[in-house]
Structure formats: C-alpha cells, structure tokens
C-alpha cells in the first residue's frame, strides 16, 4: 500500500473550455486529513469534483494510491475507494433512509449497523422517505451513504453548511471520530475555516483557482491574522 493516498501535480481543470483550477499540486498521506479553505467561488468544490472525475480535465496528473486516475470515469474511482459527500447532499427522495444507505453498499468495515451506531438519528428515521427528514438528518444520511461504499478516501463538500449549531457539533464529532478511529484519508471543504483546521492536520487555501497557502493546519490556526488575510484576500 502506498503511503500517499492522493497526489495531484500541476492540475488544470474546469468546465468545458472554462478553466477554474490552475497548477494545483498536493499530497495527502494515508489516514491524513486535509482542509480546503477559501472564499466562495475560488474553486474548492471544483477541486473535489475534479478528484471525482466530474469536471473537464485539461492538464496535470492525479494519482490515487499510486495509480493514475485522471482518465477514469466516476464509477471506476468509486470502485477504487474514493467516496464523496456532495454539497447538495443528493438524497433520493423516493427511497427510505435505509434504502438510501443500502443502495450504496459495498463489502467492508462500514455496515448498516455501524452507520446507525455513528448516527443513531438515522436508525430512528430508517423508514422515513428521503424528503421527510430534516436538513441535519439529510447531511447525516449523505455522510452515511458515502461510508456505506467503504471508501479509503472521503471527500466532504461543506458538510456543515446551513445547519443548526447543535447539529454542527454532532457532525463535527462524527468527522473527528472518522479521522481518529478509521483508516480514512479525508479532504474537507468548509467555509468555517477554524472548525476545519481544528479537525485536520494539513490545509490549503485557494485563491482564484490557485493554492495561496499549503502547510500545517495548526500553524495556520495559530496565526489568525494570516488566516483572515488568506480567506479575505
């Protein structure tokens, strides 16, 4: 097994002819956790979409556990062990909570019972339709569904957006548990910069599609003036 879970080199990508990301290079170790920060519209979600194969790839290389994946379709990347918690959640409204989970099931350590143990609320709502549960429960469901695919690399796109503080606290606890206890590598895109830095080891800050900062989460968290300058600039 490679010590590097994910490696990008000089990646250039976007949508059709429009280039959003320029010269993106990073390494994420196995079981590492990376925060992706920046203002709205700087390319954070596009970076996750590019790793998943949902954008137009113009140049560079992407490798997952040493295997080049830039030419692979989305479903092949999922099979290799990359999971996505999308910003829009993408819950199936006509399926029950349990069906939303089992539709993504692949053999591995994450089972229905283990997801219910992580999110007891989902067990209580297992028979409800996808559109009959709250926003916070839908976010738990989106995370649980991604875990049911038993990924080794989990990409999370703004999982705390628009949620009540009590739900944010619950989800943060789940994210910390995944980083601490599970053999997952994690890429976390989040508007709440300080929160993201507290649960990750490393961070990048994007500005106009390029990396403006790459380094330790703890170092950036300890320098609030620099953090503010990078996010606001």
Protein backbone atom coordinates (compact mmCIF):
# COMPACT_ATOMS: atom_id res chain seq x y z
CA UNK A 1 0.00 0.00 0.00
CA UNK A 2 1.31 3.42 -0.93
CA UNK A 3 1.99 5.87 1.88
CA UNK A 4 0.37 8.61 -0.22
CA UNK A 5 -3.38 8.25 -0.63
CA UNK A 6 -3.85 11.11 -3.09
CA UNK A 7 -1.39 13.05 -5.22
CA UNK A 8 -2.08 15.93 -7.62
CA UNK A 9 0.57 17.50 -9.83
CA UNK A 10 0.07 20.72 -11.81
CA UNK A 11 -3.63 20.02 -12.27
CA UNK A 12 -5.56 22.29 -14.59
CA UNK A 13 -9.31 21.68 -14.76
CA UNK A 14 -12.70 23.32 -15.08
CA UNK A 15 -15.95 23.05 -17.01
CA UNK A 16 -15.76 22.77 -20.77
CA UNK A 17 -13.39 25.44 -22.04
CA UNK A 18 -13.56 27.39 -18.77
CA UNK A 19 -10.53 26.76 -16.57
CA UNK A 20 -11.20 27.06 -12.82
CA UNK A 21 -8.17 25.36 -11.27
CA UNK A 22 -4.59 26.23 -12.24
CA UNK A 23 -1.36 24.49 -11.22
CA UNK A 24 -2.80 22.54 -8.28
CA UNK A 25 -0.26 20.24 -6.60
CA UNK A 26 -0.73 18.44 -3.29
CA UNK A 27 -0.06 15.18 -1.45
CA UNK A 28 -2.39 13.60 1.11
CA UNK A 29 -0.96 10.70 3.13
CA UNK A 30 -2.92 7.59 4.06
CA UNK A 31 -5.14 8.44 7.07
CA UNK A 32 -4.29 12.12 6.60
CA UNK A 33 -6.87 14.91 6.85
CA UNK A 34 -6.69 17.98 4.59
CA UNK A 35 -8.75 21.18 4.94
CA UNK A 36 -9.51 23.07 1.72
CA UNK A 37 -10.30 26.70 2.52
CA UNK A 38 -11.02 29.92 0.67
CA UNK A 39 -13.75 32.38 -0.25
CA UNK A 40 -16.80 31.40 -2.29
CA UNK A 41 -16.05 30.84 -5.96
CA UNK A 42 -12.30 30.15 -5.68
CA UNK A 43 -12.52 26.52 -6.81
CA UNK A 44 -12.93 24.46 -3.63
CA UNK A 45 -15.88 22.37 -4.82
CA UNK A 46 -14.34 22.17 -8.28
CA UNK A 47 -11.25 20.58 -6.72
CA UNK A 48 -13.35 17.79 -5.19
CA UNK A 49 -15.31 17.39 -8.43
CA UNK A 50 -12.01 17.08 -10.33
CA UNK A 51 -10.74 14.37 -7.98
CA UNK A 52 -14.04 12.52 -8.56
CA UNK A 53 -13.93 12.99 -12.34
CA UNK A 54 -16.85 15.37 -12.66
CA UNK A 55 -15.01 18.20 -14.44
CA UNK A 56 -13.12 18.78 -17.68
CA UNK A 57 -9.51 17.78 -17.10
CA UNK A 58 -7.06 19.94 -19.06
CA UNK A 59 -3.59 19.06 -17.76
CA UNK A 60 -1.54 17.52 -14.96
CA UNK A 61 -1.80 14.23 -13.10
CA UNK A 62 -3.99 12.76 -10.37
CA UNK A 63 -2.93 9.56 -8.63
CA UNK A 64 -4.80 7.55 -6.01
CA UNK A 65 -2.57 5.17 -4.05
CA UNK A 66 -0.01 5.45 -6.82
CA UNK A 67 -2.48 4.67 -9.63
CA UNK A 68 -3.17 7.38 -12.26
CA UNK A 69 -6.91 8.09 -12.26
CA UNK A 70 -7.32 11.26 -14.34
CA UNK A 71 -8.65 9.23 -17.27
CA UNK A 72 -11.05 7.08 -15.26
CA UNK A 73 -14.84 7.60 -15.13
CA UNK A 74 -16.52 8.46 -11.83
CA UNK A 75 -17.75 4.92 -11.12
CA UNK A 76 -14.24 3.48 -11.50
CA UNK A 77 -12.89 6.00 -8.97
CA UNK A 78 -15.66 4.96 -6.56
CA UNK A 79 -14.73 1.31 -7.01
CA UNK A 80 -11.11 2.11 -6.21
CA UNK A 81 -12.19 3.56 -2.86
CA UNK A 82 -12.98 7.26 -3.29
CA UNK A 83 -16.21 8.50 -1.71
CA UNK A 84 -17.93 11.89 -1.95
CA UNK A 85 -20.31 13.70 0.39
CA UNK A 86 -21.71 16.28 -2.06
CA UNK A 87 -22.61 19.82 -1.08
CA UNK A 88 -26.17 19.34 -2.37
CA UNK A 89 -26.47 16.03 -0.40
CA UNK A 90 -28.26 14.39 -3.38
CA UNK A 91 -30.57 12.28 -1.24
CA UNK A 92 -33.05 10.07 -3.15
CA UNK A 93 -36.44 11.49 -2.03
CA UNK A 94 -38.43 8.42 -3.14
CA UNK A 95 -36.27 5.98 -1.14
CA UNK A 96 -36.38 5.43 2.61
CA UNK A 97 -33.42 6.37 4.79
CA UNK A 98 -32.39 2.72 4.92
CA UNK A 99 -32.75 2.29 1.16
CA UNK A 100 -30.64 5.43 0.60
CA UNK A 101 -27.92 3.73 2.63
CA UNK A 102 -28.12 0.22 1.21
CA UNK A 103 -28.18 1.42 -2.42
CA UNK A 104 -24.53 2.46 -1.96
CA UNK A 105 -23.44 -0.63 0.00
CA UNK A 106 -20.15 -2.33 -0.79
CA UNK A 107 -18.43 -5.01 1.31
CA UNK A 108 -16.18 -3.71 4.08
CA UNK A 109 -15.96 -2.44 7.62
CA UNK A 110 -18.83 0.07 7.20
CA UNK A 111 -22.17 -1.68 7.53
CA UNK A 112 -25.72 -0.50 8.13
CA UNK A 113 -25.33 -1.27 11.84
CA UNK A 114 -22.12 0.74 12.08
CA UNK A 115 -23.63 3.77 10.30
CA UNK A 116 -26.61 3.61 12.66
CA UNK A 117 -24.20 3.47 15.59
CA UNK A 118 -22.43 6.59 14.29
CA UNK A 119 -25.75 8.37 13.63
CA UNK A 120 -28.49 6.98 15.92
CA UNK A 121 -30.97 9.51 14.46
CA UNK A 122 -30.81 7.65 11.14
CA UNK A 123 -31.78 4.41 12.86
CA UNK A 124 -34.82 6.19 14.32
CA UNK A 125 -35.75 7.50 10.85
CA UNK A 126 -34.89 4.38 8.87
CA UNK A 127 -38.41 4.02 7.47
CA UNK A 128 -38.88 7.69 6.54
CA UNK A 129 -38.61 8.84 2.93
CA UNK A 130 -35.55 10.87 1.98
CA UNK A 131 -37.62 14.06 1.74
CA UNK A 132 -39.31 13.54 5.13
CA UNK A 133 -36.23 14.16 7.27
CA UNK A 134 -34.59 17.40 8.41
CA UNK A 135 -31.61 19.07 6.78
CA UNK A 136 -29.29 17.86 9.52
CA UNK A 137 -30.57 14.31 9.15
CA UNK A 138 -30.12 14.54 5.38
CA UNK A 139 -26.49 15.54 5.95
CA UNK A 140 -26.00 12.56 8.27
CA UNK A 141 -27.57 10.40 5.56
CA UNK A 142 -25.24 11.79 2.89
CA UNK A 143 -22.22 11.00 5.07
CA UNK A 144 -23.58 7.57 5.99
CA UNK A 145 -24.27 6.71 2.35
CA UNK A 146 -20.70 7.66 1.38
CA UNK A 147 -19.36 5.46 4.21
CA UNK A 148 -21.50 2.52 3.04
CA UNK A 149 -19.34 2.48 -0.09
CA UNK A 150 -16.41 1.72 2.24
CA UNK A 151 -14.03 4.35 0.86
CA UNK A 152 -10.39 4.76 1.86
CA UNK A 153 -10.52 8.40 0.74
CA UNK A 154 -13.53 10.52 1.72
CA UNK A 155 -14.21 13.91 0.12
CA UNK A 156 -16.61 16.15 2.07
CA UNK A 157 -18.01 19.30 0.45
CA UNK A 158 -19.18 21.83 3.06
CA UNK A 159 -20.96 19.30 5.32
CA UNK A 160 -21.79 21.94 7.97
CA UNK A 161 -23.42 24.49 5.62
CA UNK A 162 -26.73 25.91 6.83
CA UNK A 163 -27.09 23.64 9.85
CA UNK A 164 -28.10 24.48 13.42
CA UNK A 165 -25.22 24.73 15.93
CA UNK A 166 -26.28 21.57 17.78
CA UNK A 167 -26.21 19.59 14.51
CA UNK A 168 -22.86 21.14 13.57
CA UNK A 169 -21.45 19.94 16.89
CA UNK A 170 -22.79 16.44 16.34
CA UNK A 171 -21.42 16.22 12.79
CA UNK A 172 -18.04 17.60 13.88
CA UNK A 173 -17.84 14.86 16.47
CA UNK A 174 -18.51 12.29 13.74
CA UNK A 175 -15.83 13.80 11.49
CA UNK A 176 -13.29 13.79 14.34
CA UNK A 177 -14.13 10.17 15.04
CA UNK A 178 -13.60 9.22 11.39
CA UNK A 179 -10.21 10.94 11.35
CA UNK A 180 -9.13 9.49 14.70
CA UNK A 181 -10.50 5.96 14.61
CA UNK A 182 -10.97 4.94 11.00
CA UNK A 183 -8.40 4.16 8.32
CA UNK A 184 -9.70 7.00 6.14
CA UNK A 185 -7.93 9.79 4.35
CA UNK A 186 -10.13 12.89 4.38
CA UNK A 187 -10.42 16.04 2.27
CA UNK A 188 -12.72 18.57 3.93
CA UNK A 189 -14.00 21.64 2.08
CA UNK A 190 -15.51 24.02 4.62
CA UNK A 191 -16.45 27.70 4.96
CA UNK A 192 -15.95 27.51 8.73
CA UNK A 193 -12.16 27.79 8.48
CA UNK A 194 -11.28 27.50 12.16
CA UNK A 195 -13.52 24.45 12.60
CA UNK A 196 -11.94 22.75 9.59
CA UNK A 197 -8.42 23.49 10.84
CA UNK A 198 -9.23 22.02 14.24
CA UNK A 199 -10.09 18.59 12.77
CA UNK A 200 -7.35 18.31 10.10
CA UNK A 201 -3.57 18.02 10.06
CA UNK A 202 -2.85 20.00 6.89
CA UNK A 203 -4.54 22.73 4.89
CA UNK A 204 -4.55 24.52 1.58
CA UNK A 205 -6.15 27.88 0.87
CA UNK A 206 -7.33 28.53 -2.67
CA UNK A 207 -7.44 31.96 -4.27
CA UNK A 208 -8.67 32.37 -7.87
CA UNK A 209 -8.14 28.69 -8.56
CA UNK A 210 -4.56 28.56 -7.29
CA UNK A 211 -3.04 27.48 -3.99
CA UNK A 212 -2.22 30.53 -1.87
CA UNK A 213 -1.22 28.54 1.22
CA UNK A 214 -0.14 24.95 1.78
CA UNK A 215 1.01 23.79 5.20
CA UNK A 216 0.09 22.76 8.71
CA UNK A 217 -3.47 23.31 9.96
CA UNK A 218 -2.14 24.00 13.47
CA UNK A 219 0.26 26.67 12.19
CA UNK A 220 -2.49 28.47 10.30
CA UNK A 221 -4.89 28.17 13.24
CA UNK A 222 -2.24 29.74 15.50
CA UNK A 223 -1.89 32.76 13.18
CA UNK A 224 -5.40 34.29 12.97
CA UNK A 225 -4.16 37.42 11.19
CA UNK A 226 -2.63 35.36 8.41
CA UNK A 227 -5.72 33.15 8.23
CA UNK A 228 -8.00 36.17 7.91
CA UNK A 229 -5.74 37.68 5.25
CA UNK A 230 -5.76 34.49 3.20
CA UNK A 231 -9.51 33.97 3.40
CA UNK A 232 -10.44 37.61 2.79
CA UNK A 233 -7.74 38.43 0.22
